Protein backbone atom coordinates (compact mmCIF):
# COMPACT_ATOMS: atom_id res chain seq x y z
CA MET A 1 5.58 83.42 77.90
CA LEU A 2 7.35 84.88 81.00
CA PHE A 3 5.05 86.44 83.64
CA VAL A 4 6.20 89.83 85.12
CA PRO A 5 4.55 91.40 88.14
CA GLY A 6 2.38 94.46 86.96
CA THR A 7 4.32 96.46 89.99
CA LYS A 8 7.76 95.79 87.75
CA PRO A 9 7.08 97.07 84.44
CA ASP A 10 10.93 98.01 84.09
CA TRP A 11 11.60 94.13 84.08
CA LEU A 12 10.09 94.14 80.36
CA ASP A 13 13.87 94.71 79.23
CA LYS A 14 14.76 91.80 81.05
CA ALA A 15 12.28 89.90 79.28
CA ARG A 16 13.34 90.91 76.01
CA ARG A 17 17.15 90.14 76.70
CA ALA A 18 16.41 86.48 77.74
CA GLY A 19 14.57 85.60 74.53
CA ALA A 20 10.84 85.49 75.83
CA ASP A 21 8.52 85.72 72.68
CA ALA A 22 5.73 87.28 74.99
CA VAL A 23 5.35 88.89 78.49
CA ILE A 24 2.31 88.24 80.63
CA PHE A 25 2.23 91.35 83.10
CA ASP A 26 0.12 89.82 86.26
CA LEU A 27 -2.31 92.10 87.73
CA GLU A 28 -3.86 89.21 89.90
CA ASP A 29 -1.73 86.97 92.14
CA ALA A 30 1.56 88.85 91.99
CA VAL A 31 0.19 92.42 93.07
CA PRO A 32 -0.92 92.98 96.65
CA GLU A 33 -4.49 94.51 96.78
CA ASN A 34 -3.47 98.00 97.62
CA GLU A 35 -1.01 98.15 94.53
CA LYS A 36 -3.54 96.83 92.01
CA ALA A 37 -4.89 100.34 90.88
CA THR A 38 -0.95 101.69 90.36
CA ALA A 39 -0.40 98.75 88.59
CA LEU A 40 -3.15 98.66 86.51
CA ASN A 41 -2.06 102.50 85.27
CA GLN A 42 1.47 101.53 84.64
CA VAL A 43 0.91 98.34 82.56
CA ALA A 44 -1.67 100.37 80.69
CA ASP A 45 0.70 103.04 79.91
CA ILE A 46 3.07 100.25 78.37
CA VAL A 47 0.72 98.58 76.44
CA ARG A 48 -0.30 101.65 74.79
CA ASP A 49 3.28 102.83 74.20
CA ALA A 50 4.08 99.19 72.66
CA GLY A 51 2.30 99.65 69.57
CA THR A 52 5.12 102.17 68.35
CA HIS A 53 7.83 99.50 69.06
CA THR A 54 8.45 95.87 67.23
CA ASP A 55 11.48 95.16 69.15
CA GLN A 56 9.94 93.58 72.12
CA PRO A 57 8.17 90.52 73.34
CA ARG A 58 4.18 90.45 72.57
CA LEU A 59 2.27 91.75 75.78
CA PHE A 60 -0.37 89.90 77.34
CA VAL A 61 -2.14 91.05 80.84
CA ARG A 62 -3.49 88.82 83.48
CA ILE A 63 -6.26 90.67 84.97
CA ASN A 64 -8.21 89.58 88.12
CA PRO A 65 -11.30 87.52 87.72
CA VAL A 66 -14.04 89.38 85.85
CA ASP A 67 -16.64 89.35 88.64
CA CYS A 68 -17.20 92.87 89.13
CA TRP A 69 -16.99 96.33 87.12
CA SER A 70 -13.46 97.14 87.88
CA SER A 71 -12.46 94.03 86.15
CA ALA A 72 -14.70 95.00 82.84
CA ASP A 73 -13.15 98.60 83.13
CA ALA A 74 -9.36 97.04 83.34
CA ILE A 75 -10.41 95.26 80.09
CA ARG A 76 -11.50 98.47 78.13
CA ARG A 77 -8.36 100.34 79.62
CA LEU A 78 -5.91 97.79 78.12
CA VAL A 79 -7.32 97.13 75.03
CA SER A 80 -5.15 98.69 72.36
CA PRO A 81 -3.02 98.19 69.38
CA GLY A 82 -0.11 97.19 71.57
CA LEU A 83 -2.14 94.43 73.63
CA ALA A 84 -1.68 90.71 72.32
CA GLY A 85 -3.91 89.01 74.72
CA ILE A 86 -5.82 88.75 78.14
CA VAL A 87 -5.05 86.23 80.34
CA LEU A 88 -8.27 85.58 82.31
CA PRO A 89 -7.92 83.65 85.71
CA LYS A 90 -9.81 81.54 87.87
CA VAL A 91 -12.07 80.53 84.76
CA ASP A 92 -14.87 77.90 85.66
CA THR A 93 -17.18 77.75 82.85
CA ASP A 94 -17.77 78.42 79.27
CA HIS A 95 -19.97 81.21 79.95
CA GLU A 96 -17.48 83.28 81.54
CA VAL A 97 -15.09 83.23 78.20
CA ARG A 98 -18.16 84.39 76.26
CA VAL A 99 -18.52 87.36 78.66
CA VAL A 100 -15.13 88.53 78.33
CA ASP A 101 -14.98 87.72 74.65
CA ALA A 102 -17.77 90.29 74.19
CA LEU A 103 -15.91 92.53 76.30
CA ILE A 104 -12.71 92.66 74.55
CA GLY A 105 -14.92 92.86 71.24
CA TRP A 106 -16.58 95.99 72.15
CA SER A 107 -13.26 97.52 73.37
CA GLU A 108 -11.68 96.46 70.00
CA GLN A 109 -14.64 98.54 68.19
CA GLU A 110 -14.03 101.35 70.10
CA GLN A 111 -10.31 101.50 69.69
CA HIS A 112 -11.11 101.02 65.99
CA LEU A 113 -9.11 97.52 66.18
CA PRO A 114 -10.09 94.53 63.70
CA SER A 115 -12.13 92.02 65.63
CA GLY A 116 -10.11 89.28 66.64
CA SER A 117 -6.83 91.69 67.25
CA VAL A 118 -6.72 90.46 70.81
CA ALA A 119 -6.26 86.73 72.02
CA LEU A 120 -7.72 85.28 75.05
CA MET A 121 -6.03 82.75 77.36
CA PRO A 122 -8.14 81.46 79.82
CA VAL A 123 -6.11 79.81 82.72
CA LEU A 124 -7.69 76.53 83.87
CA GLU A 125 -7.07 76.56 87.81
CA THR A 126 -10.09 74.56 89.19
CA ALA A 127 -11.16 70.77 88.90
CA LYS A 128 -14.12 71.94 86.87
CA SER A 129 -12.48 74.08 84.39
CA LEU A 130 -9.84 71.44 83.85
CA ARG A 131 -12.85 68.83 83.19
CA ASP A 132 -14.73 71.20 80.80
CA ALA A 133 -11.49 72.41 78.97
CA HIS A 134 -12.93 71.49 75.70
CA ALA A 135 -16.15 73.62 75.84
CA ILE A 136 -14.17 76.64 77.42
CA ALA A 137 -11.48 76.28 74.34
CA ALA A 138 -14.46 76.27 72.05
CA ALA A 139 -16.22 79.01 73.19
CA SER A 140 -14.67 81.57 71.87
CA GLN A 141 -12.65 81.91 68.39
CA ARG A 142 -9.97 84.41 70.26
CA VAL A 143 -9.10 81.49 72.89
CA ALA A 144 -5.46 80.95 72.20
CA TYR A 145 -2.53 79.68 74.46
CA LEU A 146 -4.71 77.28 76.66
CA GLY A 147 -3.46 74.26 78.19
CA ALA A 148 -3.28 72.81 81.57
CA VAL A 149 -0.55 74.40 83.93
CA THR A 150 0.39 72.27 86.83
CA GLY A 151 3.02 73.92 89.25
CA ALA A 152 3.67 72.87 92.72
CA GLY A 153 1.32 73.98 95.31
CA GLY A 154 -0.43 76.29 93.36
CA ASP A 155 -4.25 76.75 92.28
CA VAL A 156 -4.38 73.23 90.40
CA ALA A 157 -2.54 71.36 93.03
CA ARG A 158 -4.92 72.36 95.20
CA ALA A 159 -8.04 71.98 93.26
CA VAL A 160 -7.27 68.45 91.97
CA GLY A 161 -5.13 67.38 95.24
CA PHE A 162 -2.03 65.84 93.43
CA ARG A 163 1.22 65.52 95.16
CA TRP A 164 3.77 67.28 93.12
CA SER A 165 7.21 65.37 92.19
CA PRO A 166 10.14 66.96 90.17
CA GLU A 167 9.16 64.15 87.62
CA ASN A 168 5.70 65.27 87.10
CA THR A 169 4.48 61.92 86.74
CA GLU A 170 1.36 62.62 88.77
CA THR A 171 0.09 65.24 86.16
CA ILE A 172 0.82 63.56 82.87
CA GLU A 173 -2.55 62.31 82.21
CA LEU A 174 -4.06 65.54 83.11
CA ARG A 175 -1.76 67.54 80.75
CA ALA A 176 -2.53 65.28 77.88
CA ARG A 177 -6.35 65.29 78.37
CA VAL A 178 -6.17 68.83 78.37
CA LEU A 179 -4.32 68.94 75.52
CA LEU A 180 -6.44 66.76 73.67
CA ASP A 181 -9.39 68.73 74.45
CA VAL A 182 -7.75 71.86 73.32
CA ARG A 183 -6.55 70.29 69.96
CA ALA A 184 -10.14 68.96 69.24
CA ALA A 185 -11.78 72.36 69.88
CA GLY A 186 -9.22 73.65 67.40
CA SER A 187 -7.56 76.14 69.83
CA PRO A 188 -4.12 77.30 68.73
CA ASN A 189 -0.64 76.97 70.47
CA PRO A 190 -1.51 75.24 73.41
CA ILE A 191 1.06 76.18 76.30
CA THR A 192 1.74 74.54 79.74
CA GLY A 193 3.89 75.06 82.65
CA LEU A 194 5.28 76.10 85.31
CA TRP A 195 8.41 75.32 86.74
CA THR A 196 8.81 76.80 89.89
CA ARG A 197 12.37 75.66 91.04
CA VAL A 198 14.26 78.75 89.65
CA ASN A 199 17.77 77.26 89.95
CA ASP A 200 17.09 73.78 89.00
CA LEU A 201 17.61 74.16 84.96
CA PRO A 202 18.07 70.20 84.74
CA GLY A 203 14.84 69.59 86.11
CA LEU A 204 13.21 72.47 84.13
CA ARG A 205 14.70 71.01 80.90
CA ALA A 206 13.19 67.61 81.74
CA PHE A 207 9.80 69.03 82.45
CA ALA A 208 10.10 70.95 79.04
CA GLU A 209 10.87 67.85 76.90
CA GLN A 210 8.19 65.88 78.63
CA ASN A 211 5.79 68.91 77.52
CA ARG A 212 7.06 68.75 74.43
CA SER A 213 6.66 65.09 73.66
CA LEU A 214 2.92 65.25 74.86
CA GLY A 215 2.57 67.87 72.18
CA TYR A 216 2.43 71.43 73.85
CA GLU A 217 4.10 74.35 71.64
CA GLY A 218 5.47 76.09 74.42
CA MET A 219 5.33 76.78 78.25
CA VAL A 220 4.74 79.68 80.64
CA ALA A 221 7.62 80.95 83.00
CA ILE A 222 8.41 82.71 86.03
CA HIS A 223 12.00 83.48 85.81
CA PRO A 224 14.30 85.23 83.08
CA THR A 225 16.91 82.57 83.06
CA HIS A 226 14.15 79.71 82.29
CA ILE A 227 13.61 81.43 78.95
CA PRO A 228 16.67 79.80 76.80
CA VAL A 229 16.10 76.11 78.20
CA ILE A 230 12.37 76.30 77.23
CA ASN A 231 13.22 77.96 73.79
CA GLU A 232 15.87 75.38 73.18
CA VAL A 233 13.49 72.49 73.85
CA PHE A 234 10.64 73.55 71.86
CA SER A 235 12.54 74.74 68.68
CA PRO A 236 13.84 71.83 66.40
CA THR A 237 17.48 71.98 66.01
CA THR A 238 19.35 72.43 62.29
CA ASP A 239 20.05 68.53 62.23
CA GLU A 240 15.93 68.20 62.49
CA LEU A 241 14.88 70.55 59.99
CA ALA A 242 17.39 69.17 57.68
CA ARG A 243 15.89 65.78 58.04
CA LEU A 244 12.54 66.95 57.69
CA GLN A 245 13.43 68.32 54.59
CA ARG A 246 15.31 65.33 53.16
CA LEU A 247 12.11 63.23 54.14
CA LEU A 248 9.87 65.96 52.05
CA THR A 249 12.02 65.80 49.16
CA THR A 250 12.20 61.89 49.11
CA VAL A 251 8.33 61.73 49.76
CA GLU A 252 7.57 64.18 46.73
CA GLN A 253 10.00 62.37 44.43
CA ALA A 254 8.22 59.14 45.33
CA GLN A 255 4.98 60.41 44.75
CA ALA A 256 6.13 62.10 41.17
CA ALA A 257 7.30 58.56 40.53
CA GLY A 258 4.26 57.11 40.94
CA SER A 259 4.66 55.57 44.51
CA GLY A 260 2.84 56.81 47.75
CA VAL A 261 4.85 54.78 50.48
CA VAL A 262 8.79 55.14 50.22
CA ALA A 263 11.74 53.97 52.47
CA PHE A 264 13.56 56.91 54.27
CA GLU A 265 16.61 56.16 56.35
CA GLY A 266 15.34 53.16 57.56
CA GLU A 267 11.40 53.78 58.03
CA MET A 268 8.76 53.83 55.68
CA VAL A 269 7.26 57.28 54.97
CA ASP A 270 4.03 58.40 53.12
CA GLU A 271 2.19 61.59 52.67
CA ALA A 272 1.33 61.84 56.53
CA MET A 273 4.58 62.42 57.55
CA ALA A 274 5.40 64.84 54.73
CA GLU A 275 2.72 66.98 55.43
CA THR A 276 3.99 67.13 59.10
CA ALA A 277 7.38 68.05 57.61
CA ARG A 278 5.73 70.76 55.76
CA MET A 279 4.04 72.12 59.05
CA VAL A 280 7.04 72.28 60.92
CA LEU A 281 9.33 73.60 58.08
CA GLN A 282 7.16 76.49 57.39
CA ARG A 283 6.92 77.57 61.34
CA PHE A 284 10.62 77.14 61.57
CA ALA A 285 12.70 76.73 58.77
CA PRO A 286 14.96 80.12 58.44
CA THR A 287 13.51 82.44 55.71
CA PRO A 288 16.29 82.77 52.63
CA THR A 289 18.08 86.06 52.29
CA ASP A 290 19.25 87.67 49.67
């Protein structure tokens, strides 16, 4: 998911060429106060137009904190068939999530969209919200893509007080605990981030691999050059998919012969490993073509 300033709508094509799965148009921190109204108008127009295009990334919008009627009006203007989700910053409690869930729901009705069409991505930027990640994730069925985003010098660093290092060892426990909360709440597609050193692609790769090992499914990014690295790290290789298919075949053949556990390439495997293989293959294996 690539952040794009709301004042730079023409960067959408760069995001598409870079291979981003989604774009987050930022109307909050990336936009000066005197340009917020113009940025909202531009982004709302793009989102409305996106409903007629299928060759571009899914569109999300990070709005401003919902603490006044103008933010509620922004949600109403943004919800349309072209909007994949609302990114809600500075969340502190699950109550805020329920309020925004209701605002999105009313806007969906107004636009004659099925209930739940628009996802809600709360951003955990305070110590309280990080502590209450499970309650926030469970507050609405539309919550998705929730995780701990622990960049250098940002809101989370200030709230928690950690001193950032390129190895990110100081935030591993935080990212892992939030991920467990999100998984326990049943919220789909947890993602994390972000890497602020634009030209340090080896550092980005190491950070992405660390996040993938923890169990995250993707990352947010701030520069198009980061997208290919993130996509590569979070996507299984052809060899990995082939091995999973062999594992699945081996287990299913053993089950057909009356055995629940079988040796496979030096390991003992059973139905639990087979189910994991099925899940990954269903998501990533290429679809056969004529």
